């Protein structure tokens, strides 16, 4: 299982760097990813403060949960 950090999700959601955004999309399409709760909190903070996005829930809906299986925490609960 591969951990995904804030930068990967941020690049995917914002598309601010086309090359890195495409690489982030490829990583997120994998079925063996783990996204920690802290990473999602950091993503929300970055979107709100660095990108001035007020409705971060709207942006977060683009996280590709339909393209890859849910990441799982150690106890089997959905991490995202």
N, C-alpha and C. Protein backbone atom coordinates (compact mmCIF):
# COMPACT_ATOMS: atom_id res chain seq x y z
N UNK A 1 0.85 -1.17 0.00
CA UNK A 1 0.00 0.00 0.00
C UNK A 1 0.90 1.24 0.00
N UNK A 2 0.54 2.21 -0.81
CA UNK A 2 1.31 3.44 -0.94
C UNK A 2 0.56 4.60 -0.31
N UNK A 3 1.27 5.37 0.53
CA UNK A 3 0.69 6.55 1.13
C UNK A 3 0.69 7.71 0.15
N UNK A 4 -0.36 8.51 0.19
CA UNK A 4 -0.50 9.67 -0.67
C UNK A 4 -0.42 10.91 0.22
N UNK A 5 0.39 11.88 -0.19
CA UNK A 5 0.53 13.06 0.64
C UNK A 5 -0.31 14.24 0.12
N UNK A 6 -0.27 15.30 0.86
CA UNK A 6 -1.06 16.49 0.57
C UNK A 6 -0.75 17.05 -0.82
N UNK A 7 0.51 17.06 -1.20
CA UNK A 7 0.91 17.62 -2.48
C UNK A 7 0.24 16.90 -3.65
N UNK A 8 0.18 15.59 -3.59
CA UNK A 8 -0.42 14.81 -4.68
C UNK A 8 -1.90 15.15 -4.83
N UNK A 9 -2.62 15.16 -3.73
CA UNK A 9 -4.05 15.47 -3.79
C UNK A 9 -4.26 16.92 -4.20
N UNK A 10 -3.44 17.82 -3.66
CA UNK A 10 -3.55 19.23 -4.02
C UNK A 10 -3.32 19.48 -5.49
N UNK A 11 -2.31 18.84 -6.06
CA UNK A 11 -2.03 18.99 -7.50
C UNK A 11 -3.19 18.44 -8.34
N UNK A 12 -3.73 17.32 -7.90
CA UNK A 12 -4.87 16.74 -8.62
C UNK A 12 -6.07 17.68 -8.61
N UNK A 13 -6.40 18.22 -7.45
CA UNK A 13 -7.59 19.04 -7.31
C UNK A 13 -7.45 20.41 -7.97
N UNK A 14 -6.27 21.00 -7.90
CA UNK A 14 -6.12 22.36 -8.41
C UNK A 14 -5.72 22.41 -9.89
N UNK A 15 -4.97 21.41 -10.35
CA UNK A 15 -4.50 21.43 -11.73
C UNK A 15 -3.59 22.60 -12.03
N UNK A 16 -2.92 23.15 -11.00
CA UNK A 16 -2.10 24.35 -11.19
C UNK A 16 -0.80 24.10 -11.95
N UNK A 17 -0.37 22.87 -12.03
CA UNK A 17 0.81 22.51 -12.81
C UNK A 17 0.43 21.30 -13.64
N UNK A 18 0.19 21.48 -14.94
CA UNK A 18 -0.33 20.38 -15.77
C UNK A 18 0.50 19.09 -15.70
N UNK A 19 1.80 19.20 -15.72
CA UNK A 19 2.65 18.00 -15.66
C UNK A 19 2.50 17.25 -14.35
N UNK A 20 2.58 18.00 -13.25
CA UNK A 20 2.44 17.37 -11.93
C UNK A 20 1.00 16.90 -11.69
N UNK A 21 0.05 17.62 -12.22
CA UNK A 21 -1.35 17.22 -12.06
C UNK A 21 -1.62 15.88 -12.73
N UNK A 22 -1.05 15.67 -13.90
CA UNK A 22 -1.22 14.41 -14.61
C UNK A 22 -0.55 13.26 -13.85
N UNK A 23 0.62 13.53 -13.29
CA UNK A 23 1.31 12.51 -12.48
C UNK A 23 0.48 12.18 -11.24
N UNK A 24 -0.10 13.20 -10.63
CA UNK A 24 -0.93 12.98 -9.45
C UNK A 24 -2.15 12.14 -9.81
N UNK A 25 -2.76 12.41 -10.95
CA UNK A 25 -3.92 11.62 -11.40
C UNK A 25 -3.53 10.15 -11.55
N UNK A 26 -2.37 9.90 -12.12
CA UNK A 26 -1.92 8.52 -12.32
C UNK A 26 -1.73 7.81 -10.98
N UNK A 27 -1.16 8.51 -10.00
CA UNK A 27 -0.98 7.92 -8.67
C UNK A 27 -2.33 7.61 -8.04
N UNK A 28 -3.27 8.52 -8.16
CA UNK A 28 -4.56 8.36 -7.50
C UNK A 28 -5.44 7.31 -8.18
N UNK A 29 -5.13 6.93 -9.39
CA UNK A 29 -5.89 5.87 -10.06
C UNK A 29 -5.52 4.49 -9.56
N UNK A 30 -4.40 4.40 -8.87
CA UNK A 30 -3.96 3.10 -8.36
C UNK A 30 -4.93 2.61 -7.28
N UNK A 31 -5.06 1.33 -7.15
CA UNK A 31 -6.01 0.78 -6.19
C UNK A 31 -5.40 0.55 -4.82
N UNK A 32 -4.11 0.74 -4.69
CA UNK A 32 -3.44 0.41 -3.42
C UNK A 32 -2.92 1.67 -2.72
N UNK A 33 -3.77 2.69 -2.57
CA UNK A 33 -3.33 3.92 -1.93
C UNK A 33 -3.92 4.05 -0.53
N UNK A 34 -3.22 4.81 0.29
CA UNK A 34 -3.68 5.13 1.64
C UNK A 34 -3.65 6.64 1.78
N UNK A 35 -4.75 7.23 2.22
CA UNK A 35 -4.81 8.66 2.46
C UNK A 35 -5.16 8.85 3.93
N UNK A 36 -4.22 9.36 4.68
CA UNK A 36 -4.45 9.57 6.11
C UNK A 36 -5.41 10.72 6.33
N UNK A 37 -6.13 10.66 7.42
CA UNK A 37 -7.07 11.72 7.76
C UNK A 37 -6.36 13.07 7.85
N UNK A 38 -5.15 13.09 8.40
CA UNK A 38 -4.39 14.33 8.53
C UNK A 38 -4.09 14.93 7.15
N UNK A 39 -3.85 14.09 6.16
CA UNK A 39 -3.61 14.58 4.81
C UNK A 39 -4.83 15.30 4.28
N UNK A 40 -6.01 14.73 4.47
CA UNK A 40 -7.24 15.38 4.00
C UNK A 40 -7.48 16.71 4.72
N UNK A 41 -7.14 16.76 6.00
CA UNK A 41 -7.26 18.02 6.73
C UNK A 41 -6.30 19.07 6.17
N UNK A 42 -5.07 18.63 5.86
CA UNK A 42 -4.10 19.55 5.27
C UNK A 42 -4.56 20.03 3.90
N UNK A 43 -5.13 19.15 3.10
CA UNK A 43 -5.63 19.52 1.77
C UNK A 43 -6.70 20.59 1.92
N UNK A 44 -7.62 20.40 2.84
CA UNK A 44 -8.68 21.37 3.06
C UNK A 44 -8.08 22.73 3.44
N UNK A 45 -7.08 22.72 4.32
CA UNK A 45 -6.44 23.96 4.77
C UNK A 45 -5.75 24.65 3.59
N UNK A 46 -5.01 23.90 2.79
CA UNK A 46 -4.29 24.46 1.65
C UNK A 46 -5.28 25.06 0.65
N UNK A 47 -6.35 24.35 0.36
CA UNK A 47 -7.34 24.87 -0.59
C UNK A 47 -7.97 26.16 -0.08
N UNK A 48 -8.23 26.21 1.20
CA UNK A 48 -8.86 27.40 1.77
C UNK A 48 -7.91 28.59 1.83
N UNK A 49 -6.68 28.34 2.28
CA UNK A 49 -5.75 29.45 2.53
C UNK A 49 -4.87 29.82 1.33
N UNK A 50 -4.32 28.86 0.66
CA UNK A 50 -3.41 29.16 -0.46
C UNK A 50 -4.17 29.44 -1.75
N UNK A 51 -5.31 28.80 -1.92
CA UNK A 51 -6.08 28.96 -3.15
C UNK A 51 -7.37 29.74 -2.95
N UNK A 52 -7.62 30.17 -1.73
CA UNK A 52 -8.81 30.98 -1.39
C UNK A 52 -10.11 30.31 -1.82
N UNK A 53 -10.15 29.00 -1.75
CA UNK A 53 -11.39 28.29 -2.08
C UNK A 53 -12.26 28.23 -0.84
N UNK A 54 -13.43 28.77 -0.92
CA UNK A 54 -14.34 28.80 0.22
C UNK A 54 -15.11 27.48 0.36
N UNK A 55 -15.47 26.90 -0.75
CA UNK A 55 -16.28 25.69 -0.69
C UNK A 55 -15.39 24.48 -1.00
N UNK A 56 -14.59 24.08 -0.01
CA UNK A 56 -13.65 22.99 -0.25
C UNK A 56 -14.35 21.66 -0.41
N UNK A 57 -15.55 21.51 0.12
CA UNK A 57 -16.28 20.25 -0.10
C UNK A 57 -16.58 20.06 -1.57
N UNK A 58 -16.89 21.14 -2.26
CA UNK A 58 -17.16 21.05 -3.69
C UNK A 58 -15.90 20.59 -4.42
N UNK A 59 -14.75 21.13 -4.07
CA UNK A 59 -13.50 20.73 -4.71
C UNK A 59 -13.14 19.29 -4.35
N UNK A 60 -13.37 18.89 -3.12
CA UNK A 60 -13.01 17.54 -2.69
C UNK A 60 -13.83 16.46 -3.37
N UNK A 61 -14.96 16.80 -3.93
CA UNK A 61 -15.76 15.77 -4.60
C UNK A 61 -15.05 15.21 -5.82
N UNK A 62 -14.04 15.90 -6.30
CA UNK A 62 -13.31 15.43 -7.46
C UNK A 62 -12.25 14.38 -7.11
N UNK A 63 -12.08 14.11 -5.83
CA UNK A 63 -11.14 13.06 -5.45
C UNK A 63 -11.62 11.76 -6.07
N UNK A 64 -10.77 11.05 -6.77
CA UNK A 64 -11.21 9.96 -7.65
C UNK A 64 -11.55 8.65 -6.94
N UNK A 65 -12.48 8.70 -6.02
CA UNK A 65 -12.85 7.47 -5.33
C UNK A 65 -13.54 6.49 -6.26
N UNK A 66 -14.07 6.97 -7.37
CA UNK A 66 -14.70 6.06 -8.32
C UNK A 66 -13.68 5.40 -9.22
N UNK A 67 -12.47 5.97 -9.30
CA UNK A 67 -11.44 5.40 -10.16
C UNK A 67 -10.54 4.42 -9.40
N UNK A 68 -10.56 4.46 -8.10
CA UNK A 68 -9.74 3.55 -7.31
C UNK A 68 -10.53 3.12 -6.09
N UNK A 69 -10.13 2.03 -5.51
CA UNK A 69 -10.84 1.56 -4.33
C UNK A 69 -10.54 2.49 -3.16
N UNK A 70 -11.39 2.46 -2.15
CA UNK A 70 -11.14 3.27 -0.97
C UNK A 70 -9.85 2.82 -0.31
N UNK A 71 -9.08 3.79 0.11
CA UNK A 71 -7.90 3.46 0.91
C UNK A 71 -8.40 2.96 2.27
N UNK A 72 -7.68 2.07 2.86
CA UNK A 72 -8.11 1.51 4.14
C UNK A 72 -7.09 1.82 5.24
N UNK A 73 -7.62 2.14 6.41
CA UNK A 73 -6.76 2.30 7.56
C UNK A 73 -6.41 0.91 8.07
N UNK A 74 -5.52 0.84 9.03
CA UNK A 74 -5.10 -0.45 9.55
C UNK A 74 -6.25 -1.27 10.11
N UNK A 75 -7.25 -0.61 10.70
CA UNK A 75 -8.37 -1.33 11.29
C UNK A 75 -9.44 -1.69 10.27
N UNK A 76 -9.22 -1.34 9.00
CA UNK A 76 -10.17 -1.69 7.95
C UNK A 76 -11.21 -0.64 7.65
N UNK A 77 -11.21 0.45 8.42
CA UNK A 77 -12.18 1.53 8.20
C UNK A 77 -11.73 2.36 7.00
N UNK A 78 -12.68 3.00 6.36
CA UNK A 78 -12.33 3.87 5.24
C UNK A 78 -11.55 5.07 5.72
N UNK A 79 -10.41 5.33 5.11
CA UNK A 79 -9.64 6.53 5.44
C UNK A 79 -10.16 7.70 4.65
N UNK A 80 -10.66 7.43 3.47
CA UNK A 80 -11.27 8.47 2.63
C UNK A 80 -12.23 7.83 1.69
